[in-house]
Amino acid sequence: MNWNSFQIFDISMKISHDMPVYKGKEEKRPKIIVERDFTSGSAYESRLEMNMHTGTHLDRSLHMLPGGTKIDSLKLEQVITKCKVLDLTSCLDKITSQDLKDKDISEGDFIILKTRNSFDDILEGDFIYLDDSGAVFLRDKKIKGVGIDSLGIERSQPEHPTHIKLLESDIVILEGLRLKDIEEGEYLLVAAPINVPEAEAAPVRAVLLR
């Protein structure tokens, strides 16, 4: 295999204090603290303080389900896999089952939802999300995982039905993707989270290869 022939697309958010965070909440903004620099020693060291659900990240079911799965149960085959990017930029508020019914979605697919979120400055406001009916549709298709270019796969839904329906079926959820320059089609997804075994979520450097 000639790896030099692959195009590599970084679909991750950059981590900074000024990055978009869920609903603009200040407590979710990362803090990058310099602990040592060359004025005080021979090395430069910094510390990152960040909520696990900030930026591009992966959810496990413990996020919403008591006794649910953690990062340690994730198999890398679930997040290093073929995927399909679906163009849903026509959706103006949310993605429903009606929006998905004519898309090419098969059992075992990892689906990535490209929306207006990747183009408009709406990540901290009324971003496009996957509603309950869309989650049921994807669950019933028996997909492997779903990613979206919003900071949450749902937006202010009481009882979190989208998260719960997906996570109950061990469907991987990737949030905080950046898809502006990504065309609809098939790719290889590489989205391994940092290995924090006991955590309910973890940051990801997500890339697509084609």
N, C-alpha and C. Protein backbone atom coordinates (compact mmCIF):
# COMPACT_ATOMS: atom_id res chain seq x y z
N MET A 1 0.84 -1.20 0.00
CA MET A 1 0.00 0.00 0.00
C MET A 1 0.88 1.25 0.00
N ASN A 2 0.59 2.18 -0.89
CA ASN A 2 1.35 3.42 -0.98
C ASN A 2 0.67 4.50 -0.15
N TRP A 3 1.17 4.69 1.08
CA TRP A 3 0.55 5.65 1.98
C TRP A 3 0.73 7.09 1.49
N ASN A 4 1.74 7.33 0.64
CA ASN A 4 1.95 8.67 0.11
C ASN A 4 0.84 9.11 -0.82
N SER A 5 0.04 8.15 -1.28
CA SER A 5 -1.05 8.48 -2.21
C SER A 5 -2.31 8.94 -1.48
N PHE A 6 -2.35 8.83 -0.14
CA PHE A 6 -3.52 9.22 0.62
C PHE A 6 -3.57 10.72 0.84
N GLN A 7 -4.76 11.29 0.73
CA GLN A 7 -5.00 12.64 1.24
C GLN A 7 -5.37 12.53 2.71
N ILE A 8 -4.83 13.42 3.53
CA ILE A 8 -5.12 13.41 4.96
C ILE A 8 -5.85 14.70 5.31
N PHE A 9 -7.03 14.57 5.90
CA PHE A 9 -7.85 15.72 6.29
C PHE A 9 -7.98 15.75 7.81
N ASP A 10 -7.51 16.80 8.42
CA ASP A 10 -7.67 16.97 9.87
C ASP A 10 -9.07 17.53 10.12
N ILE A 11 -9.89 16.79 10.85
CA ILE A 11 -11.26 17.24 11.11
C ILE A 11 -11.47 17.52 12.60
N SER A 12 -10.38 17.92 13.26
CA SER A 12 -10.43 18.19 14.70
C SER A 12 -10.44 19.69 14.98
N MET A 13 -10.96 20.04 16.14
CA MET A 13 -10.93 21.42 16.60
C MET A 13 -9.58 21.72 17.25
N LYS A 14 -9.12 22.95 17.10
CA LYS A 14 -7.91 23.39 17.79
C LYS A 14 -8.27 23.76 19.23
N ILE A 15 -7.42 23.35 20.17
CA ILE A 15 -7.67 23.60 21.58
C ILE A 15 -7.04 24.92 21.99
N SER A 16 -7.88 25.84 22.44
CA SER A 16 -7.39 27.12 22.96
C SER A 16 -8.45 27.69 23.91
N HIS A 17 -8.06 28.67 24.70
CA HIS A 17 -9.01 29.27 25.64
C HIS A 17 -10.18 29.93 24.91
N ASP A 18 -9.94 30.42 23.71
CA ASP A 18 -10.96 31.16 22.97
C ASP A 18 -11.77 30.30 22.00
N MET A 19 -11.58 29.00 22.04
CA MET A 19 -12.32 28.12 21.12
C MET A 19 -13.81 28.10 21.46
N PRO A 20 -14.67 27.73 20.50
CA PRO A 20 -16.08 27.53 20.83
C PRO A 20 -16.27 26.41 21.84
N VAL A 21 -17.15 26.62 22.80
CA VAL A 21 -17.46 25.59 23.79
C VAL A 21 -18.98 25.48 23.91
N TYR A 22 -19.45 24.36 24.46
CA TYR A 22 -20.89 24.08 24.51
C TYR A 22 -21.64 25.20 25.22
N LYS A 23 -22.57 25.82 24.46
CA LYS A 23 -23.42 26.92 24.95
C LYS A 23 -22.61 28.10 25.49
N GLY A 24 -21.34 28.19 25.11
CA GLY A 24 -20.51 29.31 25.54
C GLY A 24 -20.19 29.32 27.02
N LYS A 25 -20.31 28.18 27.68
CA LYS A 25 -20.10 28.13 29.13
C LYS A 25 -18.63 28.34 29.48
N GLU A 26 -18.36 29.33 30.32
CA GLU A 26 -16.98 29.67 30.66
C GLU A 26 -16.25 28.51 31.34
N GLU A 27 -16.97 27.72 32.14
CA GLU A 27 -16.31 26.63 32.84
C GLU A 27 -15.83 25.52 31.89
N LYS A 28 -16.30 25.55 30.65
CA LYS A 28 -15.86 24.56 29.68
C LYS A 28 -14.67 25.03 28.85
N ARG A 29 -14.21 26.26 29.08
CA ARG A 29 -13.07 26.76 28.30
C ARG A 29 -11.77 26.15 28.82
N PRO A 30 -10.93 25.65 27.92
CA PRO A 30 -9.66 25.06 28.35
C PRO A 30 -8.74 26.11 28.97
N LYS A 31 -7.90 25.65 29.89
CA LYS A 31 -6.87 26.49 30.48
C LYS A 31 -5.52 25.85 30.20
N ILE A 32 -4.65 26.59 29.55
CA ILE A 32 -3.30 26.13 29.28
C ILE A 32 -2.36 26.94 30.16
N ILE A 33 -1.74 26.27 31.10
CA ILE A 33 -0.95 26.93 32.14
C ILE A 33 0.52 26.54 31.98
N VAL A 34 1.38 27.55 31.87
CA VAL A 34 2.81 27.29 31.79
C VAL A 34 3.33 27.08 33.22
N GLU A 35 3.88 25.90 33.48
CA GLU A 35 4.39 25.58 34.81
C GLU A 35 5.88 25.87 34.95
N ARG A 36 6.61 25.75 33.84
CA ARG A 36 8.04 26.05 33.83
C ARG A 36 8.38 26.64 32.47
N ASP A 37 9.29 27.61 32.47
CA ASP A 37 9.82 28.10 31.20
C ASP A 37 11.31 28.33 31.34
N PHE A 38 11.92 28.90 30.34
CA PHE A 38 13.37 29.02 30.33
C PHE A 38 13.89 30.15 31.23
N THR A 39 12.96 30.90 31.82
CA THR A 39 13.41 31.90 32.80
C THR A 39 13.65 31.26 34.16
N SER A 40 13.08 30.05 34.36
CA SER A 40 13.19 29.41 35.67
C SER A 40 13.90 28.06 35.63
N GLY A 41 14.29 27.60 34.44
CA GLY A 41 14.95 26.31 34.36
C GLY A 41 15.39 26.02 32.94
N SER A 42 15.71 24.75 32.69
CA SER A 42 16.26 24.35 31.40
C SER A 42 15.22 23.69 30.49
N ALA A 43 13.96 23.70 30.92
CA ALA A 43 12.91 23.06 30.11
C ALA A 43 11.63 23.89 30.17
N TYR A 44 10.78 23.68 29.17
CA TYR A 44 9.48 24.34 29.09
C TYR A 44 8.40 23.28 29.31
N GLU A 45 7.51 23.50 30.28
CA GLU A 45 6.44 22.54 30.57
C GLU A 45 5.13 23.29 30.81
N SER A 46 4.04 22.72 30.30
CA SER A 46 2.73 23.34 30.48
C SER A 46 1.71 22.29 30.88
N ARG A 47 0.60 22.76 31.42
CA ARG A 47 -0.48 21.88 31.87
C ARG A 47 -1.79 22.30 31.20
N LEU A 48 -2.57 21.31 30.80
CA LEU A 48 -3.86 21.56 30.19
C LEU A 48 -4.96 21.14 31.14
N GLU A 49 -5.89 22.06 31.43
CA GLU A 49 -7.09 21.74 32.21
C GLU A 49 -8.29 21.89 31.29
N MET A 50 -9.02 20.78 31.10
CA MET A 50 -10.09 20.80 30.10
C MET A 50 -11.15 19.75 30.41
N ASN A 51 -12.40 20.11 30.27
CA ASN A 51 -13.49 19.16 30.36
C ASN A 51 -13.35 18.12 29.25
N MET A 52 -13.61 16.87 29.54
CA MET A 52 -13.47 15.81 28.55
C MET A 52 -14.40 15.98 27.35
N HIS A 53 -15.44 16.80 27.50
CA HIS A 53 -16.42 17.00 26.44
C HIS A 53 -16.21 18.31 25.69
N THR A 54 -15.03 18.88 25.81
CA THR A 54 -14.68 20.10 25.09
C THR A 54 -13.97 19.74 23.79
N GLY A 55 -14.29 20.47 22.73
CA GLY A 55 -13.62 20.23 21.45
C GLY A 55 -14.02 18.90 20.84
N THR A 56 -13.15 18.34 20.00
CA THR A 56 -13.40 17.06 19.35
C THR A 56 -13.19 15.94 20.36
N HIS A 57 -14.23 15.17 20.59
CA HIS A 57 -14.14 14.14 21.62
C HIS A 57 -15.10 12.98 21.33
N LEU A 58 -14.91 11.91 22.08
CA LEU A 58 -15.71 10.69 21.93
C LEU A 58 -16.45 10.43 23.23
N ASP A 59 -17.73 10.08 23.13
CA ASP A 59 -18.55 9.74 24.30
C ASP A 59 -18.67 8.23 24.45
N ARG A 60 -18.57 7.75 25.70
CA ARG A 60 -18.94 6.39 26.05
C ARG A 60 -20.25 6.44 26.82
N SER A 61 -20.87 5.30 27.05
CA SER A 61 -22.24 5.32 27.57
C SER A 61 -22.34 5.79 29.02
N LEU A 62 -21.24 5.74 29.78
CA LEU A 62 -21.28 6.26 31.15
C LEU A 62 -21.62 7.75 31.17
N HIS A 63 -21.42 8.43 30.07
CA HIS A 63 -21.77 9.84 29.98
C HIS A 63 -23.25 10.07 30.30
N MET A 64 -24.10 9.11 29.93
CA MET A 64 -25.54 9.26 30.13
C MET A 64 -26.20 8.11 30.88
N LEU A 65 -25.50 6.98 31.02
CA LEU A 65 -26.12 5.79 31.60
C LEU A 65 -25.36 5.35 32.84
N PRO A 66 -26.00 5.33 34.02
CA PRO A 66 -25.32 4.83 35.22
C PRO A 66 -24.78 3.42 35.00
N GLY A 67 -23.53 3.20 35.37
CA GLY A 67 -22.92 1.90 35.17
C GLY A 67 -22.53 1.62 33.73
N GLY A 68 -22.53 2.65 32.90
CA GLY A 68 -22.24 2.47 31.48
C GLY A 68 -20.77 2.25 31.18
N THR A 69 -20.46 2.14 29.89
CA THR A 69 -19.11 1.83 29.45
C THR A 69 -18.19 3.05 29.58
N LYS A 70 -16.89 2.74 29.70
CA LYS A 70 -15.86 3.76 29.80
C LYS A 70 -14.90 3.61 28.63
N ILE A 71 -13.91 4.46 28.59
CA ILE A 71 -12.94 4.44 27.50
C ILE A 71 -12.23 3.08 27.42
N ASP A 72 -12.04 2.42 28.56
CA ASP A 72 -11.27 1.17 28.54
C ASP A 72 -11.95 0.05 27.77
N SER A 73 -13.26 0.16 27.53
CA SER A 73 -13.96 -0.90 26.80
C SER A 73 -14.01 -0.64 25.29
N LEU A 74 -13.53 0.51 24.86
CA LEU A 74 -13.57 0.85 23.44
C LEU A 74 -12.54 0.03 22.67
N LYS A 75 -12.96 -0.58 21.58
CA LYS A 75 -12.04 -1.28 20.69
C LYS A 75 -11.59 -0.32 19.60
N LEU A 76 -10.30 -0.30 19.31
CA LEU A 76 -9.80 0.64 18.31
C LEU A 76 -10.42 0.41 16.94
N GLU A 77 -10.87 -0.83 16.68
CA GLU A 77 -11.55 -1.09 15.41
C GLU A 77 -12.84 -0.28 15.26
N GLN A 78 -13.37 0.19 16.39
CA GLN A 78 -14.60 1.00 16.34
C GLN A 78 -14.34 2.41 15.83
N VAL A 79 -13.10 2.87 15.95
CA VAL A 79 -12.80 4.27 15.60
C VAL A 79 -11.66 4.40 14.60
N ILE A 80 -11.08 3.30 14.18
CA ILE A 80 -10.15 3.28 13.04
C ILE A 80 -10.82 2.38 12.02
N THR A 81 -11.55 2.99 11.10
CA THR A 81 -12.53 2.24 10.31
C THR A 81 -12.94 3.02 9.07
N LYS A 82 -13.48 2.33 8.11
CA LYS A 82 -14.11 3.01 6.98
C LYS A 82 -15.31 3.81 7.49
N CYS A 83 -15.58 4.93 6.84
CA CYS A 83 -16.74 5.73 7.24
C CYS A 83 -17.37 6.37 6.01
N LYS A 84 -18.57 6.87 6.22
CA LYS A 84 -19.29 7.59 5.16
C LYS A 84 -19.65 8.98 5.67
N VAL A 85 -19.21 10.01 4.93
CA VAL A 85 -19.61 11.38 5.24
C VAL A 85 -20.89 11.68 4.46
N LEU A 86 -21.92 12.11 5.17
CA LEU A 86 -23.20 12.46 4.55
C LEU A 86 -23.39 13.97 4.58
N ASP A 87 -23.70 14.55 3.43
CA ASP A 87 -23.94 16.00 3.35
C ASP A 87 -25.37 16.31 3.75
N LEU A 88 -25.52 16.95 4.92
CA LEU A 88 -26.84 17.33 5.43
C LEU A 88 -26.89 18.83 5.66
N THR A 89 -26.17 19.57 4.82
CA THR A 89 -26.12 21.03 4.97
C THR A 89 -27.45 21.69 4.61
N SER A 90 -28.37 20.94 4.06
CA SER A 90 -29.70 21.50 3.76
C SER A 90 -30.57 21.58 5.01
N CYS A 91 -30.21 20.88 6.07
CA CYS A 91 -31.00 20.89 7.31
C CYS A 91 -30.82 22.23 8.02
N LEU A 92 -31.92 22.85 8.39
CA LEU A 92 -31.88 24.20 8.96
C LEU A 92 -31.99 24.24 10.48
N ASP A 93 -32.42 23.14 11.10
CA ASP A 93 -32.57 23.13 12.56
C ASP A 93 -32.05 21.84 13.17
N LYS A 94 -32.46 20.71 12.59
CA LYS A 94 -32.09 19.41 13.14
C LYS A 94 -32.12 18.37 12.04
N ILE A 95 -31.51 17.21 12.33
CA ILE A 95 -31.49 16.09 11.41
C ILE A 95 -32.50 15.07 11.91
N THR A 96 -33.44 14.71 11.07
CA THR A 96 -34.50 13.78 11.44
C THR A 96 -34.37 12.49 10.63
N SER A 97 -35.22 11.52 10.93
CA SER A 97 -35.22 10.28 10.17
C SER A 97 -35.55 10.54 8.70
N GLN A 98 -36.38 11.54 8.43
CA GLN A 98 -36.74 11.87 7.06
C GLN A 98 -35.53 12.35 6.27
N ASP A 99 -34.65 13.06 6.94
CA ASP A 99 -33.44 13.55 6.29
C ASP A 99 -32.46 12.43 5.98
N LEU A 100 -32.55 11.32 6.70
CA LEU A 100 -31.60 10.23 6.57
C LEU A 100 -32.10 9.08 5.70
N LYS A 101 -33.40 9.01 5.47
CA LYS A 101 -33.99 7.79 4.89
C LYS A 101 -33.51 7.49 3.48
N ASP A 102 -33.10 8.50 2.72
CA ASP A 102 -32.65 8.27 1.35
C ASP A 102 -31.13 8.23 1.23
N LYS A 103 -30.43 8.27 2.35
CA LYS A 103 -28.98 8.22 2.34
C LYS A 103 -28.49 6.77 2.32
N ASP A 104 -27.28 6.58 1.83
CA ASP A 104 -26.67 5.25 1.75
C ASP A 104 -26.09 4.86 3.11
N ILE A 105 -26.88 4.18 3.92
CA ILE A 105 -26.49 3.79 5.28
C ILE A 105 -26.76 2.30 5.44
N SER A 106 -25.72 1.55 5.81
CA SER A 106 -25.84 0.10 5.96
C SER A 106 -25.38 -0.34 7.34
N GLU A 107 -25.75 -1.54 7.72
CA GLU A 107 -25.32 -2.11 9.00
C GLU A 107 -23.80 -2.10 9.09
N GLY A 108 -23.29 -1.67 10.24
CA GLY A 108 -21.85 -1.66 10.46
C GLY A 108 -21.14 -0.41 9.98
N ASP A 109 -21.85 0.51 9.36
CA ASP A 109 -21.25 1.76 8.89
C ASP A 109 -20.89 2.68 10.06
N PHE A 110 -19.87 3.48 9.85
CA PHE A 110 -19.62 4.63 10.72
C PHE A 110 -20.04 5.85 9.91
N ILE A 111 -21.01 6.59 10.41
CA ILE A 111 -21.63 7.69 9.68
C ILE A 111 -21.16 9.02 10.25
N ILE A 112 -20.76 9.94 9.38
CA ILE A 112 -20.38 11.29 9.80
C ILE A 112 -21.34 12.29 9.16
N LEU A 113 -21.93 13.12 9.99
CA LEU A 113 -22.97 14.06 9.56
C LEU A 113 -22.37 15.46 9.37
N LYS A 114 -22.32 15.89 8.12
CA LYS A 114 -21.82 17.23 7.79
C LYS A 114 -23.00 18.19 7.70
N THR A 115 -22.97 19.27 8.48
CA THR A 115 -24.08 20.21 8.53
C THR A 115 -23.58 21.65 8.37
N ARG A 116 -24.53 22.56 8.50
CA ARG A 116 -24.19 23.99 8.47
C ARG A 116 -23.28 24.39 9.62
N ASN A 117 -23.18 23.55 10.64
CA ASN A 117 -22.31 23.88 11.78
C ASN A 117 -20.87 24.12 11.35
N SER A 118 -20.44 23.46 10.27
CA SER A 118 -19.06 23.61 9.82
C SER A 118 -18.82 24.91 9.06
N PHE A 119 -19.88 25.63 8.76
CA PHE A 119 -19.76 26.86 7.98
C PHE A 119 -20.18 28.10 8.76
N ASP A 120 -21.21 27.97 9.57
CA ASP A 120 -21.78 29.12 10.26
C ASP A 120 -21.25 29.23 11.69
N ASP A 121 -21.25 30.42 12.22
CA ASP A 121 -20.76 30.67 13.58
C ASP A 121 -21.88 30.42 14.58
N ILE A 122 -22.27 29.14 14.70
CA ILE A 122 -23.43 28.81 15.53
C ILE A 122 -23.12 27.75 16.58
N LEU A 123 -21.85 27.39 16.73
CA LEU A 123 -21.52 26.28 17.61
C LEU A 123 -21.91 26.52 19.06
N GLU A 124 -21.88 27.78 19.50
CA GLU A 124 -22.24 28.07 20.89
C GLU A 124 -23.72 28.41 21.04
N GLY A 125 -24.44 28.38 19.93
CA GLY A 125 -25.87 28.75 19.96
C GLY A 125 -26.75 27.61 19.49
N ASP A 126 -27.68 27.93 18.58
CA ASP A 126 -28.65 26.94 18.10
C ASP A 126 -28.07 26.14 16.94
N PHE A 127 -27.12 25.27 17.25
CA PHE A 127 -26.46 24.45 16.24
C PHE A 127 -27.40 23.35 15.75
N ILE A 128 -27.07 22.81 14.57
CA ILE A 128 -27.82 21.70 14.02
C ILE A 128 -27.49 20.43 14.81
N TYR A 129 -28.49 19.62 15.11
CA TYR A 129 -28.27 18.42 15.92
C TYR A 129 -29.07 17.25 15.36
N LEU A 130 -28.83 16.09 15.90
CA LEU A 130 -29.56 14.87 15.52
C LEU A 130 -30.71 14.66 16.49
N ASP A 131 -31.93 14.64 15.98
CA ASP A 131 -33.06 14.50 16.91
C ASP A 131 -33.34 13.03 17.22
N ASP A 132 -34.34 12.82 18.07
CA ASP A 132 -34.71 11.49 18.56
C ASP A 132 -35.02 10.54 17.41
N SER A 133 -35.78 11.01 16.43
CA SER A 133 -36.16 10.12 15.31
C SER A 133 -34.94 9.73 14.48
N GLY A 134 -34.01 10.67 14.32
CA GLY A 134 -32.78 10.36 13.59
C GLY A 134 -31.95 9.33 14.32
N ALA A 135 -31.89 9.44 15.65
CA ALA A 135 -31.14 8.48 16.46
C ALA A 135 -31.75 7.08 16.35
N VAL A 136 -33.07 7.00 16.40
CA VAL A 136 -33.75 5.71 16.27
C VAL A 136 -33.47 5.11 14.89
N PHE A 137 -33.51 5.94 13.87
CA PHE A 137 -33.24 5.46 12.51
C PHE A 137 -31.85 4.85 12.41
N LEU A 138 -30.84 5.56 12.94
CA LEU A 138 -29.46 5.06 12.88
C LEU A 138 -29.28 3.82 13.76
N ARG A 139 -29.91 3.82 14.93
CA ARG A 139 -29.85 2.64 15.79
C ARG A 139 -30.41 1.42 15.09
N ASP A 140 -31.55 1.59 14.44
CA ASP A 140 -32.20 0.46 13.77
C ASP A 140 -31.41 -0.01 12.54
N LYS A 141 -30.60 0.87 11.98
CA LYS A 141 -29.71 0.48 10.89
C LYS A 141 -28.50 -0.31 11.41
N LYS A 142 -28.30 -0.31 12.72
CA LYS A 142 -27.20 -1.02 13.38
C LYS A 142 -25.84 -0.50 12.92
N ILE A 143 -25.71 0.82 12.94
CA ILE A 143 -24.43 1.42 12.57
C ILE A 143 -23.42 1.21 13.69
N LYS A 144 -22.15 1.42 13.36
CA LYS A 144 -21.05 1.26 14.32
C LYS A 144 -20.84 2.54 15.12
N GLY A 145 -20.98 3.68 14.46
CA GLY A 145 -20.73 4.95 15.13
C GLY A 145 -21.28 6.10 14.31
N VAL A 146 -21.35 7.27 14.96
CA VAL A 146 -21.83 8.47 14.29
C VAL A 146 -21.05 9.67 14.81
N GLY A 147 -20.63 10.52 13.88
CA GLY A 147 -19.95 11.75 14.24
C GLY A 147 -20.72 12.94 13.70
N ILE A 148 -20.53 14.10 14.32
CA ILE A 148 -21.24 15.30 13.91
C ILE A 148 -20.37 16.53 14.17
N ASP A 149 -20.60 17.56 13.40
CA ASP A 149 -19.81 18.79 13.50
C ASP A 149 -20.46 19.81 14.45
N SER A 150 -20.96 19.33 15.56
CA SER A 150 -21.49 20.20 16.62
C SER A 150 -20.84 19.81 17.93
N LEU A 151 -21.01 20.64 18.96
CA LEU A 151 -20.39 20.36 20.25
C LEU A 151 -21.22 19.40 21.09
N GLY A 152 -22.37 19.02 20.58
CA GLY A 152 -23.22 18.01 21.20
C GLY A 152 -24.04 17.37 20.10
N ILE A 153 -24.29 16.07 20.18
CA ILE A 153 -25.09 15.44 19.13
C ILE A 153 -26.56 15.79 19.28
N GLU A 154 -26.92 16.33 20.47
CA GLU A 154 -28.27 16.87 20.65
C GLU A 154 -28.17 18.23 21.31
N ARG A 155 -29.28 18.96 21.27
CA ARG A 155 -29.28 20.34 21.76
C ARG A 155 -30.48 20.57 22.68
N SER A 156 -30.22 20.57 23.97
CA SER A 156 -31.26 20.91 24.96
C SER A 156 -32.49 20.00 24.85
N GLN A 157 -32.29 18.71 24.61
CA GLN A 157 -33.41 17.78 24.58
C GLN A 157 -33.62 17.20 25.99
N PRO A 158 -34.78 17.40 26.58
CA PRO A 158 -35.03 16.82 27.90
C PRO A 158 -34.82 15.32 27.91
N GLU A 159 -34.14 14.81 28.94
CA GLU A 159 -33.88 13.38 29.12
C GLU A 159 -32.86 12.81 28.13
N HIS A 160 -32.30 13.64 27.26
CA HIS A 160 -31.19 13.23 26.37
C HIS A 160 -31.51 12.00 25.52
N PRO A 161 -32.63 11.98 24.80
CA PRO A 161 -33.01 10.76 24.07
C PRO A 161 -32.04 10.37 22.96
N THR A 162 -31.44 11.34 22.28
CA THR A 162 -30.51 11.01 21.19
C THR A 162 -29.30 10.27 21.73
N HIS A 163 -28.65 10.86 22.75
CA HIS A 163 -27.51 10.19 23.36
C HIS A 163 -27.87 8.78 23.84
N ILE A 164 -28.96 8.69 24.57
CA ILE A 164 -29.30 7.43 25.22
C ILE A 164 -29.61 6.33 24.22
N LYS A 165 -30.37 6.64 23.18
CA LYS A 165 -30.72 5.62 22.19
C LYS A 165 -29.48 5.09 21.47
N LEU A 166 -28.52 5.97 21.21
CA LEU A 166 -27.29 5.54 20.55
C LEU A 166 -26.38 4.79 21.51
N LEU A 167 -26.17 5.35 22.69
CA LEU A 167 -25.22 4.76 23.63
C LEU A 167 -25.71 3.42 24.18
N GLU A 168 -27.01 3.26 24.33
CA GLU A 168 -27.56 1.97 24.78
C GLU A 168 -27.21 0.85 23.81
N SER A 169 -27.00 1.19 22.55
CA SER A 169 -26.68 0.20 21.53
C SER A 169 -25.18 0.15 21.23
N ASP A 170 -24.39 0.76 22.11
CA ASP A 170 -22.92 0.79 21.96
C ASP A 170 -22.50 1.40 20.64
N ILE A 171 -23.22 2.41 20.21
CA ILE A 171 -22.86 3.17 19.02
C ILE A 171 -21.94 4.32 19.45
N VAL A 172 -20.76 4.36 18.87
CA VAL A 172 -19.79 5.40 19.21
C VAL A 172 -20.31 6.76 18.79
N ILE A 173 -20.14 7.77 19.64
CA ILE A 173 -20.52 9.14 19.32
C ILE A 173 -19.26 10.00 19.29
N LEU A 174 -19.02 10.65 18.15
CA LEU A 174 -17.95 11.63 18.01
C LEU A 174 -18.59 13.01 17.86
N GLU A 175 -18.13 13.95 18.65
CA GLU A 175 -18.67 15.31 18.59
C GLU A 175 -17.53 16.30 18.36
N GLY A 176 -17.89 17.47 17.86
CA GLY A 176 -16.90 18.53 17.68
C GLY A 176 -16.04 18.37 16.45
N LEU A 177 -16.55 17.75 15.39
CA LEU A 177 -15.79 17.60 14.15
C LEU A 177 -15.86 18.89 13.33
N ARG A 178 -14.88 19.08 12.44
CA ARG A 178 -14.83 20.24 11.54
C ARG A 178 -14.80 19.70 10.12
N LEU A 179 -15.87 19.97 9.35
CA LEU A 179 -16.07 19.28 8.08
C LEU A 179 -16.25 20.21 6.89
N LYS A 180 -15.88 21.46 7.03
CA LYS A 180 -16.11 22.45 5.97
C LYS A 180 -15.55 22.02 4.63
N ASP A 181 -14.35 21.47 4.62
CA ASP A 181 -13.68 21.13 3.36
C ASP A 181 -13.81 19.66 2.97
N ILE A 182 -14.72 18.95 3.63
CA ILE A 182 -14.88 17.51 3.39
C ILE A 182 -16.08 17.25 2.48
N GLU A 183 -15.85 16.55 1.39
CA GLU A 183 -16.91 16.20 0.46
C GLU A 183 -17.64 14.95 0.94
N GLU A 184 -18.89 14.84 0.55
CA GLU A 184 -19.64 13.62 0.84
C GLU A 184 -18.96 12.43 0.17
N GLY A 185 -18.92 11.30 0.88
CA GLY A 185 -18.31 10.11 0.30
C GLY A 185 -17.69 9.21 1.34
N GLU A 186 -16.89 8.25 0.89
CA GLU A 186 -16.28 7.26 1.77
C GLU A 186 -14.83 7.62 2.08
N TYR A 187 -14.43 7.39 3.32
CA TYR A 187 -13.09 7.71 3.81
C TYR A 187 -12.66 6.63 4.80
N LEU A 188 -11.38 6.70 5.20
CA LEU A 188 -10.91 5.96 6.36
C LEU A 188 -10.85 6.94 7.51
N LEU A 189 -11.53 6.62 8.59
CA LEU A 189 -11.54 7.45 9.79
C LEU A 189 -10.51 6.94 10.78
N VAL A 190 -9.71 7.85 11.33
CA VAL A 190 -8.80 7.54 12.43
C VAL A 190 -9.16 8.49 13.56
N ALA A 191 -9.78 7.97 14.62
CA ALA A 191 -10.31 8.82 15.68
C ALA A 191 -10.12 8.17 17.04
N ALA A 192 -8.89 7.75 17.32
CA ALA A 192 -8.60 7.12 18.60
C ALA A 192 -8.55 8.17 19.71
N PRO A 193 -9.24 7.94 20.82
CA PRO A 193 -9.19 8.88 21.94
C PRO A 193 -7.92 8.68 22.76
N ILE A 194 -7.54 9.69 23.54
CA ILE A 194 -6.45 9.47 24.48
C ILE A 194 -6.91 8.40 25.48
N ASN A 195 -5.97 7.62 25.97
CA ASN A 195 -6.30 6.42 26.74
C ASN A 195 -6.43 6.75 28.24
N VAL A 196 -7.63 7.20 28.62
CA VAL A 196 -7.95 7.46 30.03
C VAL A 196 -8.98 6.40 30.42
N PRO A 197 -8.54 5.24 30.90
CA PRO A 197 -9.42 4.07 31.01
C PRO A 197 -10.72 4.29 31.76
N GLU A 198 -10.70 5.05 32.86
CA GLU A 198 -11.88 5.19 33.70
C GLU A 198 -12.81 6.33 33.29
N ALA A 199 -12.48 7.02 32.22
CA ALA A 199 -13.25 8.20 31.83
C ALA A 199 -14.47 7.83 30.99
N GLU A 200 -15.48 8.70 31.04
CA GLU A 200 -16.71 8.52 30.26
C GLU A 200 -16.60 9.13 28.87
N ALA A 201 -15.50 9.87 28.63
CA ALA A 201 -15.27 10.53 27.35
C ALA A 201 -13.79 10.86 27.28
N ALA A 202 -13.32 11.22 26.08
CA ALA A 202 -11.92 11.59 25.94
C ALA A 202 -11.70 12.41 24.67
N PRO A 203 -10.75 13.33 24.70
CA PRO A 203 -10.41 14.10 23.50
C PRO A 203 -9.86 13.19 22.40
N VAL A 204 -10.08 13.62 21.15
CA VAL A 204 -9.68 12.86 19.97
C VAL A 204 -9.01 13.80 18.96
N ARG A 205 -7.95 13.34 18.33
CA ARG A 205 -7.42 14.01 17.13
C ARG A 205 -7.94 13.21 15.94
N ALA A 206 -9.04 13.65 15.36
CA ALA A 206 -9.71 12.91 14.32
C ALA A 206 -9.21 13.34 12.93
N VAL A 207 -8.92 12.34 12.10
CA VAL A 207 -8.52 12.61 10.73
C VAL A 207 -9.25 11.67 9.79
N LEU A 208 -9.42 12.13 8.55
CA LEU A 208 -9.95 11.29 7.47
C LEU A 208 -8.87 11.08 6.43
N LEU A 209 -8.79 9.87 5.89
CA LEU A 209 -7.87 9.53 4.83
C LEU A 209 -8.65 9.10 3.61
N ARG A 210 -8.12 9.54 2.43
CA ARG A 210 -8.82 9.17 1.19
C ARG A 210 -7.80 8.95 0.09
